[in-house]
Amino acid sequence: MRLARLLTSSGPISGRYEDGVITTDEGRYEVGRDGRLLPPCKPSALYCVGRNYAETLDQMAYERPEEPDFFIKPPASLLAHGQPIRYPDWTEELTYAGELVAVIDERCRELDPADVSDVVRGYTVLNDVDALDQQGRTARKAFDGSAPLGPWIETDVDPFDIEMSTTVGGETRQEANTELMLFGPHEVVSYLSRRFTLRPGDCIAFGSPANPGLVEPGESVEITYEGVGTLSNRVSTAPVPE
């Protein structure tokens, strides 16, 4: 089942998504006609694991971490599927990275890996946008629009063997499988739950495969995780709408 959120003239609604229609207890809403998609959840934080694929470590000359290496993006970084990624005027190196994301369904902490599936609502897709020439992870990764997320949450998927691909301007830039992660999804969620109280809607991203790279204004980035969905956003120099 796919769960999505829509911004309508009366405010946000949430429901089951199928073939361009979101169904709620109040009725049916057509995406495009009745509103636009929103990020599929409202996290208090996005916990993002880096350096979680061996090929990425080799490409970026990183040392292999002994435990999950993570950073946090704030809710202000969220951007919906189909909305433009603004190319900030204070960077000259904007990059993409296609990541699988678990969405938490209930307040929890101190989880064993075997219990993680019980608290996960489902999975969605993140583009971990990075202003690579800035100093420190927060400056690079936590700005407005740096976390395109969506297009929906898929509740029926096994995160351990998913093919993924990223295309930029129609050219394939990333191809991998989630089985190549150094730390598996349940291990990562368990690890973070021992440090933070996870809340409904919180997101945990599992890192990018090899070949994250630069994007330019006008290019479209499409990230597909098989069985989950395709997140698509175009890079733009237009100002962010108020």
Protein backbone atom coordinates (compact mmCIF):
# COMPACT_ATOMS: atom_id res chain seq x y z
CA MET A 1 0.00 0.00 0.00
CA ARG A 2 1.16 3.51 -0.79
CA LEU A 3 0.51 6.39 1.60
CA ALA A 4 0.74 9.98 0.40
CA ARG A 5 0.01 13.55 1.45
CA LEU A 6 -1.57 16.24 -0.73
CA LEU A 7 -1.73 20.01 -0.32
CA THR A 8 -5.29 21.05 -1.24
CA SER A 9 -7.00 24.44 -1.15
CA SER A 10 -8.45 23.41 2.23
CA GLY A 11 -5.10 22.26 3.65
CA PRO A 12 -3.04 19.06 3.75
CA ILE A 13 -4.75 15.65 3.52
CA SER A 14 -3.31 12.15 3.93
CA GLY A 15 -4.51 8.85 2.56
CA ARG A 16 -3.97 5.85 0.37
CA TYR A 17 -2.43 6.57 -3.03
CA GLU A 18 -3.30 4.64 -6.18
CA ASP A 19 -3.03 5.67 -9.84
CA GLY A 20 -2.83 9.38 -9.13
CA VAL A 21 -5.68 9.43 -6.61
CA ILE A 22 -5.46 9.77 -2.82
CA THR A 23 -8.37 8.26 -0.92
CA THR A 24 -9.28 9.36 2.61
CA ASP A 25 -12.31 8.89 4.87
CA GLU A 26 -13.61 12.20 3.52
CA GLY A 27 -13.29 11.45 -0.18
CA ARG A 28 -11.04 11.07 -3.22
CA TYR A 29 -8.48 13.62 -4.35
CA GLU A 30 -6.76 13.67 -7.73
CA VAL A 31 -3.11 14.67 -7.70
CA GLY A 32 -2.68 17.71 -9.92
CA ARG A 33 -6.36 18.62 -10.13
CA ASP A 34 -7.07 18.85 -6.39
CA GLY A 35 -3.58 19.73 -5.20
CA ARG A 36 0.09 18.83 -5.27
CA LEU A 37 1.99 16.17 -3.45
CA LEU A 38 3.66 17.03 -0.15
CA PRO A 39 6.53 15.15 1.48
CA PRO A 40 4.81 11.91 2.55
CA CYS A 41 5.41 12.41 6.29
CA LYS A 42 6.15 15.15 8.83
CA PRO A 43 9.36 14.16 10.62
CA SER A 44 10.77 15.86 13.68
CA ALA A 45 14.16 15.00 12.15
CA LEU A 46 15.75 13.16 9.23
CA TYR A 47 18.57 10.92 10.45
CA CYS A 48 20.94 10.30 7.55
CA VAL A 49 23.63 7.62 7.55
CA GLY A 50 26.70 8.26 5.44
CA ARG A 51 29.57 6.06 4.27
CA ASN A 52 27.34 2.99 4.16
CA TYR A 53 28.43 1.47 0.82
CA ALA A 54 31.92 0.10 0.26
CA GLU A 55 32.17 1.48 -3.28
CA THR A 56 31.32 4.94 -1.98
CA LEU A 57 34.13 4.68 0.57
CA ASP A 58 36.57 3.78 -2.20
CA GLN A 59 35.33 6.56 -4.48
CA MET A 60 35.49 9.28 -1.81
CA ALA A 61 38.64 7.92 -0.08
CA TYR A 62 36.79 7.56 3.23
CA GLU A 63 37.81 5.17 5.97
CA ARG A 64 35.37 2.35 6.72
CA PRO A 65 33.34 3.29 9.83
CA GLU A 66 33.18 0.89 12.76
CA GLU A 67 29.55 1.90 13.45
CA PRO A 68 26.93 3.86 11.50
CA ASP A 69 28.13 7.39 10.74
CA PHE A 70 25.20 9.80 10.74
CA PHE A 71 24.08 13.42 10.55
CA ILE A 72 20.69 15.14 10.89
CA LYS A 73 18.66 17.22 8.46
CA PRO A 74 15.90 19.43 9.96
CA PRO A 75 12.25 19.53 8.83
CA ALA A 76 13.01 22.83 7.04
CA SER A 77 15.13 20.87 4.56
CA LEU A 78 12.14 18.90 3.23
CA LEU A 79 11.02 19.25 -0.39
CA ALA A 80 8.22 17.38 -2.13
CA HIS A 81 8.40 15.20 -5.22
CA GLY A 82 8.07 17.40 -8.31
CA GLN A 83 9.09 20.62 -6.58
CA PRO A 84 12.21 22.43 -7.84
CA ILE A 85 15.50 22.09 -6.01
CA ARG A 86 16.86 25.62 -5.66
CA TYR A 87 20.53 25.98 -6.58
CA PRO A 88 21.76 28.31 -3.80
CA ASP A 89 23.78 31.33 -4.89
CA TRP A 90 26.34 30.65 -2.15
CA THR A 91 27.60 27.33 -3.56
CA GLU A 92 29.24 26.23 -6.79
CA GLU A 93 29.12 22.49 -6.08
CA LEU A 94 25.61 21.13 -5.62
CA THR A 95 25.37 17.33 -5.59
CA TYR A 96 22.71 14.60 -5.58
CA ALA A 97 22.65 11.26 -3.74
CA GLY A 98 19.85 8.68 -3.99
CA GLU A 99 18.91 7.03 -0.71
CA LEU A 100 16.33 4.63 0.71
CA VAL A 101 14.45 5.91 3.78
CA ALA A 102 12.53 4.18 6.57
CA VAL A 103 9.60 6.12 8.05
CA ILE A 104 8.88 5.48 11.72
CA ASP A 105 5.27 4.74 12.70
CA GLU A 106 5.29 4.96 16.49
CA ARG A 107 7.24 6.51 19.34
CA CYS A 108 10.06 4.13 20.25
CA ARG A 109 13.57 3.78 21.62
CA GLU A 110 16.09 1.09 22.57
CA LEU A 111 15.00 -1.23 19.76
CA ASP A 112 16.52 -4.61 19.01
CA PRO A 113 17.11 -5.14 15.27
CA ALA A 114 14.52 -7.95 15.29
CA ASP A 115 11.84 -5.48 16.44
CA VAL A 116 12.49 -2.74 13.90
CA SER A 117 9.97 -3.94 11.31
CA ASP A 118 7.20 -3.56 13.91
CA VAL A 119 7.74 0.20 14.20
CA VAL A 120 8.41 1.10 10.55
CA ARG A 121 5.45 2.52 8.63
CA GLY A 122 7.14 1.92 5.30
CA TYR A 123 9.85 3.19 2.96
CA THR A 124 10.33 6.19 0.70
CA VAL A 125 13.12 7.87 -1.29
CA LEU A 126 15.46 10.76 -0.43
CA ASN A 127 17.75 12.91 -2.52
CA ASP A 128 20.49 13.91 -0.08
CA VAL A 129 21.34 17.25 -1.69
CA ASP A 130 24.75 18.54 -0.62
CA ALA A 131 26.50 21.89 -1.13
CA LEU A 132 29.87 20.20 -1.28
CA ASP A 133 32.06 23.32 -1.10
CA GLN A 134 30.67 24.47 2.26
CA GLN A 135 32.38 23.85 5.60
CA GLY A 136 30.92 21.12 7.82
CA ARG A 137 27.99 18.77 7.32
CA THR A 138 25.35 21.12 8.72
CA ALA A 139 26.27 23.93 6.31
CA ARG A 140 26.53 21.46 3.44
CA LYS A 141 23.41 19.38 4.00
CA ALA A 142 20.85 21.07 6.28
CA PHE A 143 19.63 24.03 4.22
CA ASP A 144 16.14 24.66 2.84
CA GLY A 145 15.25 22.21 0.08
CA SER A 146 18.21 19.89 0.70
CA ALA A 147 15.96 16.89 1.40
CA PRO A 148 13.62 16.08 -1.50
CA LEU A 149 11.51 13.20 -0.15
CA GLY A 150 8.79 11.05 -1.68
CA PRO A 151 6.76 10.61 -3.67
CA TRP A 152 4.91 8.36 -1.17
CA ILE A 153 5.50 5.76 1.54
CA GLU A 154 5.38 2.13 0.37
CA THR A 155 4.28 -0.07 3.26
CA ASP A 156 4.82 -3.47 1.63
CA VAL A 157 8.50 -3.78 0.75
CA ASP A 158 11.55 -5.73 1.89
CA PRO A 159 14.41 -3.21 2.27
CA PHE A 160 17.19 -5.81 2.11
CA ASP A 161 17.30 -6.55 -1.63
CA ILE A 162 16.17 -3.52 -3.63
CA GLU A 163 17.68 -2.41 -6.93
CA MET A 164 18.14 1.34 -7.26
CA SER A 165 19.16 3.81 -9.93
CA THR A 166 19.67 7.54 -10.24
CA THR A 167 19.47 9.41 -13.52
CA VAL A 168 20.43 13.03 -14.14
CA GLY A 169 19.17 14.55 -17.36
CA GLY A 170 18.23 11.04 -18.49
CA GLU A 171 21.77 9.69 -17.97
CA THR A 172 22.21 6.88 -15.44
CA ARG A 173 24.59 7.99 -12.69
CA GLN A 174 23.97 5.45 -9.90
CA GLU A 175 23.08 1.75 -9.92
CA ALA A 176 23.26 -0.53 -6.88
CA ASN A 177 21.37 -2.87 -4.57
CA THR A 178 20.58 -2.31 -0.90
CA GLU A 179 22.17 -5.66 -0.06
CA LEU A 180 25.52 -3.85 -0.54
CA MET A 181 25.00 -1.71 2.57
CA LEU A 182 27.69 -2.05 5.24
CA PHE A 183 25.07 -1.64 7.98
CA GLY A 184 21.63 -3.05 7.15
CA PRO A 185 18.36 -1.11 7.62
CA HIS A 186 17.32 -2.82 10.85
CA GLU A 187 20.81 -2.47 12.32
CA VAL A 188 20.82 1.27 11.54
CA VAL A 189 17.37 1.94 13.01
CA SER A 190 18.28 -0.01 16.15
CA TYR A 191 21.55 1.90 16.50
CA LEU A 192 19.84 5.29 16.26
CA SER A 193 17.02 4.28 18.61
CA ARG A 194 19.62 3.78 21.34
CA ARG A 195 20.59 7.42 21.00
CA PHE A 196 17.32 9.17 20.16
CA THR A 197 13.65 8.72 20.93
CA LEU A 198 12.16 8.15 17.48
CA ARG A 199 8.76 9.70 16.79
CA PRO A 200 6.00 8.99 14.25
CA GLY A 201 7.01 10.36 10.87
CA ASP A 202 10.73 10.48 11.64
CA CYS A 203 12.93 9.44 8.72
CA ILE A 204 16.07 7.33 8.66
CA ALA A 205 18.06 7.36 5.41
CA PHE A 206 20.53 4.53 4.80
CA GLY A 207 23.17 6.25 2.71
CA SER A 208 24.02 6.64 -0.94
CA PRO A 209 25.63 4.11 -3.27
CA ALA A 210 28.67 5.13 -5.31
CA ASN A 211 28.67 8.00 -7.80
CA PRO A 212 26.87 10.81 -6.06
CA GLY A 213 27.79 13.80 -8.21
CA LEU A 214 27.27 17.35 -9.38
CA VAL A 215 24.03 18.74 -10.78
CA GLU A 216 23.43 21.91 -12.76
CA PRO A 217 20.42 24.23 -13.10
CA GLY A 218 17.88 22.81 -15.54
CA GLU A 219 18.80 19.17 -14.91
CA SER A 220 16.23 16.71 -13.56
CA VAL A 221 17.24 14.14 -10.95
CA GLU A 222 15.22 10.91 -10.83
CA ILE A 223 15.92 8.38 -8.09
CA THR A 224 14.22 4.98 -8.28
CA TYR A 225 14.13 2.26 -5.65
CA GLU A 226 12.44 -0.79 -7.12
CA GLY A 227 9.12 -1.54 -5.44
CA VAL A 228 9.16 1.80 -3.62
CA GLY A 229 8.90 4.54 -6.23
CA THR A 230 10.66 7.27 -8.20
CA LEU A 231 11.49 10.66 -6.71
CA SER A 232 11.89 13.35 -9.37
CA ASN A 233 12.96 16.98 -8.98
CA ARG A 234 14.41 19.58 -11.36
CA VAL A 235 17.26 21.88 -10.31
CA SER A 236 16.42 25.57 -10.59
CA THR A 237 17.93 28.98 -9.84
CA ALA A 238 14.49 30.46 -9.18
CA PRO A 239 13.91 31.88 -5.66
CA VAL A 240 12.20 29.66 -3.11
CA PRO A 241 8.47 30.58 -2.89
CA GLU A 242 7.42 32.15 0.41
